[in-house]
Amino acid sequence: MARRHGKFRRWWRSAGMMDRILVCLAVFLLVFTAVMIAIHIRCGTTPDTLIVSVFGVCGGECGVMGWIKSAKERNQERKWREENKQ
């Protein structure tokens, strides 16, 4: 188990910011879903507006990160094309 922890630390140090954000977002959504299930079991209902809002914001965040990533890749491809022309 200690090896896995070491591998995760090495990955975390070398990972980019978007990768870190995605890992944190995934962990948050897993915990949020588990808590909402527990609330539903205990109370018989869940706060639907909160659930829709959280998943909407997380989806929007992932969409913005995808847009940023694709823009970076397009700019890199343009730069490489210009270098190849020269």
PDB file of N, CA and C in Angstrom:
ATOM      1  N   MET A   1       0.819  -1.194   0.000  1.00  0.00           N
ATOM      2  CA  MET A   1       0.000   0.000   0.000  1.00  0.00           C
ATOM      3  C   MET A   1       0.862   1.258   0.000  1.00  0.00           C
ATOM      4  N   ALA A   2       1.998   1.192   0.649  1.00  0.00           N
ATOM      5  CA  ALA A   2       2.888   2.352   0.687  1.00  0.00           C
ATOM      6  C   ALA A   2       3.383   2.697  -0.720  1.00  0.00           C
ATOM      7  N   ARG A   3       3.549   1.681  -1.563  1.00  0.00           N
ATOM      8  CA  ARG A   3       4.003   1.947  -2.928  1.00  0.00           C
ATOM      9  C   ARG A   3       2.968   2.759  -3.704  1.00  0.00           C
ATOM     10  N   ARG A   4       1.714   2.414  -3.543  1.00  0.00           N
ATOM     11  CA  ARG A   4       0.666   3.161  -4.246  1.00  0.00           C
ATOM     12  C   ARG A   4       0.663   4.609  -3.806  1.00  0.00           C
ATOM     13  N   HIS A   5       0.832   4.817  -2.503  1.00  0.00           N
ATOM     14  CA  HIS A   5       0.851   6.177  -1.989  1.00  0.00           C
ATOM     15  C   HIS A   5       2.011   6.952  -2.598  1.00  0.00           C
ATOM     16  N   GLY A   6       3.174   6.300  -2.712  1.00  0.00           N
ATOM     17  CA  GLY A   6       4.331   6.945  -3.318  1.00  0.00           C
ATOM     18  C   GLY A   6       4.117   7.244  -4.787  1.00  0.00           C
ATOM     19  N   LYS A   7       3.473   6.329  -5.492  1.00  0.00           N
ATOM     20  CA  LYS A   7       3.181   6.552  -6.909  1.00  0.00           C
ATOM     21  C   LYS A   7       2.235   7.726  -7.082  1.00  0.00           C
ATOM     22  N   PHE A   8       1.234   7.803  -6.195  1.00  0.00           N
ATOM     23  CA  PHE A   8       0.294   8.919  -6.283  1.00  0.00           C
ATOM     24  C   PHE A   8       1.004  10.241  -6.020  1.00  0.00           C
ATOM     25  N   ARG A   9       1.883  10.266  -5.039  1.00  0.00           N
ATOM     26  CA  ARG A   9       2.617  11.507  -4.749  1.00  0.00           C
ATOM     27  C   ARG A   9       3.470  11.924  -5.946  1.00  0.00           C
ATOM     28  N   ARG A  10       4.153  10.957  -6.550  1.00  0.00           N
ATOM     29  CA  ARG A  10       4.973  11.273  -7.725  1.00  0.00           C
ATOM     30  C   ARG A  10       4.102  11.797  -8.862  1.00  0.00           C
ATOM     31  N   TRP A  11       2.954  11.134  -9.064  1.00  0.00           N
ATOM     32  CA  TRP A  11       2.049  11.589 -10.119  1.00  0.00           C
ATOM     33  C   TRP A  11       1.543  12.993  -9.809  1.00  0.00           C
ATOM     34  N   TRP A  12       1.174  13.229  -8.546  1.00  0.00           N
ATOM     35  CA  TRP A  12       0.611  14.525  -8.159  1.00  0.00           C
ATOM     36  C   TRP A  12       1.612  15.649  -8.403  1.00  0.00           C
ATOM     37  N   ARG A  13       2.885  15.375  -8.116  1.00  0.00           N
ATOM     38  CA  ARG A  13       3.917  16.402  -8.337  1.00  0.00           C
ATOM     39  C   ARG A  13       4.123  16.696  -9.810  1.00  0.00           C
ATOM     40  N   SER A  14       4.018  15.671 -10.656  1.00  0.00           N
ATOM     41  CA  SER A  14       4.285  15.865 -12.079  1.00  0.00           C
ATOM     42  C   SER A  14       3.037  16.220 -12.881  1.00  0.00           C
ATOM     43  N   ALA A  15       1.864  16.082 -12.279  1.00  0.00           N
ATOM     44  CA  ALA A  15       0.621  16.326 -13.004  1.00  0.00           C
ATOM     45  C   ALA A  15       0.409  17.818 -13.230  1.00  0.00           C
ATOM     46  N   GLY A  16      -0.301  18.105 -14.311  1.00  0.00           N
ATOM     47  CA  GLY A  16      -0.649  19.483 -14.598  1.00  0.00           C
ATOM     48  C   GLY A  16      -1.819  19.941 -13.730  1.00  0.00           C
ATOM     49  N   MET A  17      -2.086  21.227 -13.759  1.00  0.00           N
ATOM     50  CA  MET A  17      -3.147  21.784 -12.924  1.00  0.00           C
ATOM     51  C   MET A  17      -4.516  21.243 -13.316  1.00  0.00           C
ATOM     52  N   MET A  18      -4.776  21.080 -14.601  1.00  0.00           N
ATOM     53  CA  MET A  18      -6.080  20.562 -15.025  1.00  0.00           C
ATOM     54  C   MET A  18      -6.292  19.131 -14.538  1.00  0.00           C
ATOM     55  N   ASP A  19      -5.248  18.322 -14.577  1.00  0.00           N
ATOM     56  CA  ASP A  19      -5.360  16.949 -14.071  1.00  0.00           C
ATOM     57  C   ASP A  19      -5.665  16.943 -12.582  1.00  0.00           C
ATOM     58  N   ARG A  20      -5.019  17.821 -11.843  1.00  0.00           N
ATOM     59  CA  ARG A  20      -5.283  17.918 -10.407  1.00  0.00           C
ATOM     60  C   ARG A  20      -6.721  18.346 -10.142  1.00  0.00           C
ATOM     61  N   ILE A  21      -7.183  19.319 -10.901  1.00  0.00           N
ATOM     62  CA  ILE A  21      -8.561  19.795 -10.733  1.00  0.00           C
ATOM     63  C   ILE A  21      -9.542  18.665 -11.035  1.00  0.00           C
ATOM     64  N   LEU A  22      -9.292  17.905 -12.089  1.00  0.00           N
ATOM     65  CA  LEU A  22     -10.195  16.811 -12.432  1.00  0.00           C
ATOM     66  C   LEU A  22     -10.233  15.731 -11.351  1.00  0.00           C
ATOM     67  N   VAL A  23      -9.088  15.426 -10.752  1.00  0.00           N
ATOM     68  CA  VAL A  23      -9.061  14.441  -9.666  1.00  0.00           C
ATOM     69  C   VAL A  23      -9.850  14.963  -8.469  1.00  0.00           C
ATOM     70  N   CYS A  24      -9.625  16.210  -8.095  1.00  0.00           N
ATOM     71  CA  CYS A  24     -10.358  16.798  -6.970  1.00  0.00           C
ATOM     72  C   CYS A  24     -11.851  16.842  -7.260  1.00  0.00           C
ATOM     73  N   LEU A  25     -12.221  17.173  -8.478  1.00  0.00           N
ATOM     74  CA  LEU A  25     -13.629  17.232  -8.866  1.00  0.00           C
ATOM     75  C   LEU A  25     -14.271  15.852  -8.808  1.00  0.00           C
ATOM     76  N   ALA A  26     -13.553  14.838  -9.253  1.00  0.00           N
ATOM     77  CA  ALA A  26     -14.082  13.471  -9.210  1.00  0.00           C
ATOM     78  C   ALA A  26     -14.292  13.011  -7.767  1.00  0.00           C
ATOM     79  N   VAL A  27     -13.314  13.286  -6.906  1.00  0.00           N
ATOM     80  CA  VAL A  27     -13.446  12.911  -5.496  1.00  0.00           C
ATOM     81  C   VAL A  27     -14.618  13.659  -4.860  1.00  0.00           C
ATOM     82  N   PHE A  28     -14.727  14.948  -5.149  1.00  0.00           N
ATOM     83  CA  PHE A  28     -15.838  15.732  -4.604  1.00  0.00           C
ATOM     84  C   PHE A  28     -17.184  15.169  -5.038  1.00  0.00           C
ATOM     85  N   LEU A  29     -17.320  14.845  -6.324  1.00  0.00           N
ATOM     86  CA  LEU A  29     -18.598  14.331  -6.812  1.00  0.00           C
ATOM     87  C   LEU A  29     -18.931  12.963  -6.224  1.00  0.00           C
ATOM     88  N   LEU A  30     -17.929  12.127  -6.026  1.00  0.00           N
ATOM     89  CA  LEU A  30     -18.174  10.835  -5.388  1.00  0.00           C
ATOM     90  C   LEU A  30     -18.663  11.013  -3.947  1.00  0.00           C
ATOM     91  N   VAL A  31     -17.999  11.878  -3.203  1.00  0.00           N
ATOM     92  CA  VAL A  31     -18.406  12.138  -1.818  1.00  0.00           C
ATOM     93  C   VAL A  31     -19.782  12.787  -1.792  1.00  0.00           C
ATOM     94  N   PHE A  32     -20.024  13.747  -2.659  1.00  0.00           N
ATOM     95  CA  PHE A  32     -21.316  14.434  -2.725  1.00  0.00           C
ATOM     96  C   PHE A  32     -22.437  13.441  -3.019  1.00  0.00           C
ATOM     97  N   THR A  33     -22.206  12.554  -3.969  1.00  0.00           N
ATOM     98  CA  THR A  33     -23.221  11.548  -4.313  1.00  0.00           C
ATOM     99  C   THR A  33     -23.495  10.625  -3.137  1.00  0.00           C
ATOM    100  N   ALA A  34     -22.442  10.192  -2.450  1.00  0.00           N
ATOM    101  CA  ALA A  34     -22.623   9.317  -1.287  1.00  0.00           C
ATOM    102  C   ALA A  34     -23.413  10.025  -0.185  1.00  0.00           C
ATOM    103  N   VAL A  35     -23.120  11.291   0.046  1.00  0.00           N
ATOM    104  CA  VAL A  35     -23.854  12.049   1.066  1.00  0.00           C
ATOM    105  C   VAL A  35     -25.310  12.224   0.660  1.00  0.00           C
ATOM    106  N   MET A  36     -25.571  12.482  -0.607  1.00  0.00           N
ATOM    107  CA  MET A  36     -26.958  12.645  -1.058  1.00  0.00           C
ATOM    108  C   MET A  36     -27.730  11.329  -0.929  1.00  0.00           C
ATOM    109  N   ILE A  37     -27.068  10.203  -1.172  1.00  0.00           N
ATOM    110  CA  ILE A  37     -27.719   8.900  -0.983  1.00  0.00           C
ATOM    111  C   ILE A  37     -28.035   8.693   0.495  1.00  0.00           C
ATOM    112  N   ALA A  38     -27.076   9.038   1.366  1.00  0.00           N
ATOM    113  CA  ALA A  38     -27.300   8.907   2.810  1.00  0.00           C
ATOM    114  C   ALA A  38     -28.449   9.802   3.270  1.00  0.00           C
ATOM    115  N   ILE A  39     -28.521  11.015   2.754  1.00  0.00           N
ATOM    116  CA  ILE A  39     -29.626  11.916   3.100  1.00  0.00           C
ATOM    117  C   ILE A  39     -30.948  11.334   2.628  1.00  0.00           C
ATOM    118  N   HIS A  40     -30.941  10.768   1.433  1.00  0.00           N
ATOM    119  CA  HIS A  40     -32.179  10.179   0.906  1.00  0.00           C
ATOM    120  C   HIS A  40     -32.631   8.987   1.755  1.00  0.00           C
ATOM    121  N   ILE A  41     -31.702   8.163   2.180  1.00  0.00           N
ATOM    122  CA  ILE A  41     -32.048   7.010   3.017  1.00  0.00           C
ATOM    123  C   ILE A  41     -32.594   7.476   4.362  1.00  0.00           C
ATOM    124  N   ARG A  42     -31.967   8.492   4.929  1.00  0.00           N
ATOM    125  CA  ARG A  42     -32.372   8.963   6.261  1.00  0.00           C
ATOM    126  C   ARG A  42     -33.666   9.772   6.235  1.00  0.00           C
ATOM    127  N   CYS A  43     -33.787  10.681   5.286  1.00  0.00           N
ATOM    128  CA  CYS A  43     -34.923  11.617   5.287  1.00  0.00           C
ATOM    129  C   CYS A  43     -36.028  11.235   4.303  1.00  0.00           C
ATOM    130  N   GLY A  44     -35.717  10.430   3.320  1.00  0.00           N
ATOM    131  CA  GLY A  44     -36.705  10.055   2.323  1.00  0.00           C
ATOM    132  C   GLY A  44     -36.791  11.001   1.146  1.00  0.00           C
ATOM    133  N   THR A  45     -36.029  12.070   1.171  1.00  0.00           N
ATOM    134  CA  THR A  45     -36.012  13.021   0.063  1.00  0.00           C
ATOM    135  C   THR A  45     -34.627  13.659  -0.020  1.00  0.00           C
ATOM    136  N   THR A  46     -34.363  14.324  -1.122  1.00  0.00           N
ATOM    137  CA  THR A  46     -33.082  14.993  -1.310  1.00  0.00           C
ATOM    138  C   THR A  46     -33.318  16.414  -1.798  1.00  0.00           C
ATOM    139  N   PRO A  47     -32.352  17.303  -1.591  1.00  0.00           N
ATOM    140  CA  PRO A  47     -32.469  18.675  -2.093  1.00  0.00           C
ATOM    141  C   PRO A  47     -32.168  18.718  -3.602  1.00  0.00           C
ATOM    142  N   ASP A  48     -33.206  18.582  -4.394  1.00  0.00           N
ATOM    143  CA  ASP A  48     -33.037  18.476  -5.852  1.00  0.00           C
ATOM    144  C   ASP A  48     -32.349  19.692  -6.459  1.00  0.00           C
ATOM    145  N   THR A  49     -32.690  20.881  -5.991  1.00  0.00           N
ATOM    146  CA  THR A  49     -32.083  22.092  -6.540  1.00  0.00           C
ATOM    147  C   THR A  49     -30.575  22.098  -6.297  1.00  0.00           C
ATOM    148  N   LEU A  50     -30.154  21.667  -5.110  1.00  0.00           N
ATOM    149  CA  LEU A  50     -28.724  21.595  -4.801  1.00  0.00           C
ATOM    150  C   LEU A  50     -28.019  20.611  -5.710  1.00  0.00           C
ATOM    151  N   ILE A  51     -28.627  19.461  -5.901  1.00  0.00           N
ATOM    152  CA  ILE A  51     -28.010  18.425  -6.747  1.00  0.00           C
ATOM    153  C   ILE A  51     -27.847  18.933  -8.179  1.00  0.00           C
ATOM    154  N   VAL A  52     -28.891  19.521  -8.726  1.00  0.00           N
ATOM    155  CA  VAL A  52     -28.829  20.038 -10.099  1.00  0.00           C
ATOM    156  C   VAL A  52     -27.786  21.147 -10.200  1.00  0.00           C
ATOM    157  N   SER A  53     -27.735  22.011  -9.201  1.00  0.00           N
ATOM    158  CA  SER A  53     -26.772  23.113  -9.222  1.00  0.00           C
ATOM    159  C   SER A  53     -25.333  22.609  -9.163  1.00  0.00           C
ATOM    160  N   VAL A  54     -25.069  21.654  -8.269  1.00  0.00           N
ATOM    161  CA  VAL A  54     -23.705  21.136  -8.122  1.00  0.00           C
ATOM    162  C   VAL A  54     -23.249  20.460  -9.405  1.00  0.00           C
ATOM    163  N   PHE A  55     -24.095  19.606  -9.964  1.00  0.00           N
ATOM    164  CA  PHE A  55     -23.689  18.924 -11.194  1.00  0.00           C
ATOM    165  C   PHE A  55     -23.614  19.896 -12.374  1.00  0.00           C
ATOM    166  N   GLY A  56     -24.437  20.927 -12.371  1.00  0.00           N
ATOM    167  CA  GLY A  56     -24.345  21.941 -13.423  1.00  0.00           C
ATOM    168  C   GLY A  56     -23.045  22.717 -13.360  1.00  0.00           C
ATOM    169  N   VAL A  57     -22.663  23.129 -12.153  1.00  0.00           N
ATOM    170  CA  VAL A  57     -21.409  23.868 -11.985  1.00  0.00           C
ATOM    171  C   VAL A  57     -20.216  22.988 -12.334  1.00  0.00           C
ATOM    172  N   CYS A  58     -20.233  21.741 -11.883  1.00  0.00           N
ATOM    173  CA  CYS A  58     -19.120  20.835 -12.192  1.00  0.00           C
ATOM    174  C   CYS A  58     -19.039  20.556 -13.694  1.00  0.00           C
ATOM    175  N   GLY A  59     -20.192  20.395 -14.330  1.00  0.00           N
ATOM    176  CA  GLY A  59     -20.201  20.201 -15.779  1.00  0.00           C
ATOM    177  C   GLY A  59     -19.696  21.427 -16.513  1.00  0.00           C
ATOM    178  N   GLY A  60     -20.075  22.598 -16.025  1.00  0.00           N
ATOM    179  CA  GLY A  60     -19.586  23.840 -16.627  1.00  0.00           C
ATOM    180  C   GLY A  60     -18.081  23.990 -16.472  1.00  0.00           C
ATOM    181  N   GLU A  61     -17.578  23.638 -15.294  1.00  0.00           N
ATOM    182  CA  GLU A  61     -16.136  23.700 -15.048  1.00  0.00           C
ATOM    183  C   GLU A  61     -15.382  22.771 -15.994  1.00  0.00           C
ATOM    184  N   CYS A  62     -15.888  21.566 -16.161  1.00  0.00           N
ATOM    185  CA  CYS A  62     -15.238  20.618 -17.075  1.00  0.00           C
ATOM    186  C   CYS A  62     -15.319  21.113 -18.520  1.00  0.00           C
ATOM    187  N   GLY A  63     -16.422  21.731 -18.886  1.00  0.00           N
ATOM    188  CA  GLY A  63     -16.560  22.288 -20.229  1.00  0.00           C
ATOM    189  C   GLY A  63     -15.566  23.406 -20.486  1.00  0.00           C
ATOM    190  N   VAL A  64     -15.393  24.281 -19.511  1.00  0.00           N
ATOM    191  CA  VAL A  64     -14.432  25.379 -19.652  1.00  0.00           C
ATOM    192  C   VAL A  64     -13.009  24.834 -19.741  1.00  0.00           C
ATOM    193  N   MET A  65     -12.700  23.833 -18.928  1.00  0.00           N
ATOM    194  CA  MET A  65     -11.354  23.245 -18.990  1.00  0.00           C
ATOM    195  C   MET A  65     -11.118  22.571 -20.338  1.00  0.00           C
ATOM    196  N   GLY A  66     -12.137  21.927 -20.897  1.00  0.00           N
ATOM    197  CA  GLY A  66     -12.007  21.333 -22.225  1.00  0.00           C
ATOM    198  C   GLY A  66     -11.785  22.383 -23.290  1.00  0.00           C
ATOM    199  N   TRP A  67     -12.484  23.510 -23.167  1.00  0.00           N
ATOM    200  CA  TRP A  67     -12.321  24.610 -24.117  1.00  0.00           C
ATOM    201  C   TRP A  67     -10.908  25.179 -24.035  1.00  0.00           C
ATOM    202  N   ILE A  68     -10.398  25.356 -22.825  1.00  0.00           N
ATOM    203  CA  ILE A  68      -9.038  25.864 -22.643  1.00  0.00           C
ATOM    204  C   ILE A  68      -8.022  24.891 -23.247  1.00  0.00           C
ATOM    205  N   LYS A  69      -8.218  23.598 -22.988  1.00  0.00           N
ATOM    206  CA  LYS A  69      -7.292  22.581 -23.503  1.00  0.00           C
ATOM    207  C   LYS A  69      -7.277  22.578 -25.030  1.00  0.00           C
ATOM    208  N   SER A  70      -8.456  22.631 -25.647  1.00  0.00           N
ATOM    209  CA  SER A  70      -8.500  22.616 -27.115  1.00  0.00           C
ATOM    210  C   SER A  70      -7.896  23.890 -27.698  1.00  0.00           C
ATOM    211  N   ALA A  71      -8.084  25.025 -27.036  1.00  0.00           N
ATOM    212  CA  ALA A  71      -7.481  26.273 -27.514  1.00  0.00           C
ATOM    213  C   ALA A  71      -5.954  26.202 -27.437  1.00  0.00           C
ATOM    214  N   LYS A  72      -5.441  25.628 -26.346  1.00  0.00           N
ATOM    215  CA  LYS A  72      -3.984  25.468 -26.214  1.00  0.00           C
ATOM    216  C   LYS A  72      -3.433  24.566 -27.308  1.00  0.00           C
ATOM    217  N   GLU A  73      -4.141  23.467 -27.590  1.00  0.00           N
ATOM    218  CA  GLU A  73      -3.673  22.546 -28.632  1.00  0.00           C
ATOM    219  C   GLU A  73      -3.702  23.201 -30.005  1.00  0.00           C
ATOM    220  N   ARG A  74      -4.751  23.979 -30.295  1.00  0.00           N
ATOM    221  CA  ARG A  74      -4.818  24.675 -31.580  1.00  0.00           C
ATOM    222  C   ARG A  74      -3.675  25.663 -31.737  1.00  0.00           C
ATOM    223  N   ASN A  75      -3.381  26.400 -30.668  1.00  0.00           N
ATOM    224  CA  ASN A  75      -2.277  27.358 -30.731  1.00  0.00           C
ATOM    225  C   ASN A  75      -0.942  26.652 -30.918  1.00  0.00           C
ATOM    226  N   GLN A  76      -0.756  25.514 -30.273  1.00  0.00           N
ATOM    227  CA  GLN A  76       0.485  24.753 -30.423  1.00  0.00           C
ATOM    228  C   GLN A  76       0.622  24.230 -31.857  1.00  0.00           C
ATOM    229  N   GLU A  77      -0.472  23.750 -32.439  1.00  0.00           N
ATOM    230  CA  GLU A  77      -0.424  23.266 -33.818  1.00  0.00           C
ATOM    231  C   GLU A  77      -0.081  24.392 -34.789  1.00  0.00           C
ATOM    232  N   ARG A  78      -0.643  25.575 -34.571  1.00  0.00           N
ATOM    233  CA  ARG A  78      -0.308  26.725 -35.419  1.00  0.00           C
ATOM    234  C   ARG A  78       1.171  27.060 -35.310  1.00  0.00           C
ATOM    235  N   LYS A  79       1.691  27.032 -34.092  1.00  0.00           N
ATOM    236  CA  LYS A  79       3.111  27.333 -33.880  1.00  0.00           C
ATOM    237  C   LYS A  79       3.977  26.322 -34.609  1.00  0.00           C
ATOM    238  N   TRP A  80       3.635  25.042 -34.523  1.00  0.00           N
ATOM    239  CA  TRP A  80       4.409  24.009 -35.213  1.00  0.00           C
ATOM    240  C   TRP A  80       4.329  24.178 -36.729  1.00  0.00           C
ATOM    241  N   ARG A  81       3.141  24.536 -37.233  1.00  0.00           N
ATOM    242  CA  ARG A  81       2.994  24.757 -38.675  1.00  0.00           C
ATOM    243  C   ARG A  81       3.903  25.897 -39.144  1.00  0.00           C
ATOM    244  N   GLU A  82       3.943  26.979 -38.377  1.00  0.00           N
ATOM    245  CA  GLU A  82       4.791  28.117 -38.725  1.00  0.00           C
ATOM    246  C   GLU A  82       6.265  27.714 -38.700  1.00  0.00           C
ATOM    247  N   GLU A  83       6.643  26.904 -37.712  1.00  0.00           N
ATOM    248  CA  GLU A  83       8.045  26.448 -37.634  1.00  0.00           C
ATOM    249  C   GLU A  83       8.389  25.548 -38.815  1.00  0.00           C
ATOM    250  N   ASN A  84       7.457  24.696 -39.241  1.00  0.00           N
ATOM    251  CA  ASN A  84       7.703  23.813 -40.369  1.00  0.00           C
ATOM    252  C   ASN A  84       7.813  24.576 -41.682  1.00  0.00           C
ATOM    253  N   LYS A  85       7.081  25.685 -41.813  1.00  0.00           N
ATOM    254  CA  LYS A  85       7.162  26.492 -43.039  1.00  0.00           C
ATOM    255  C   LYS A  85       8.525  27.143 -43.165  1.00  0.00           C
ATOM    256  N   GLN A  86       9.102  27.486 -42.045  1.00  0.00           N
ATOM    257  CA  GLN A  86      10.419  28.152 -42.079  1.00  0.00           C
ATOM    258  C   GLN A  86      11.456  27.110 -42.285  1.00  0.00           C
TER     259      GLN A  86
END
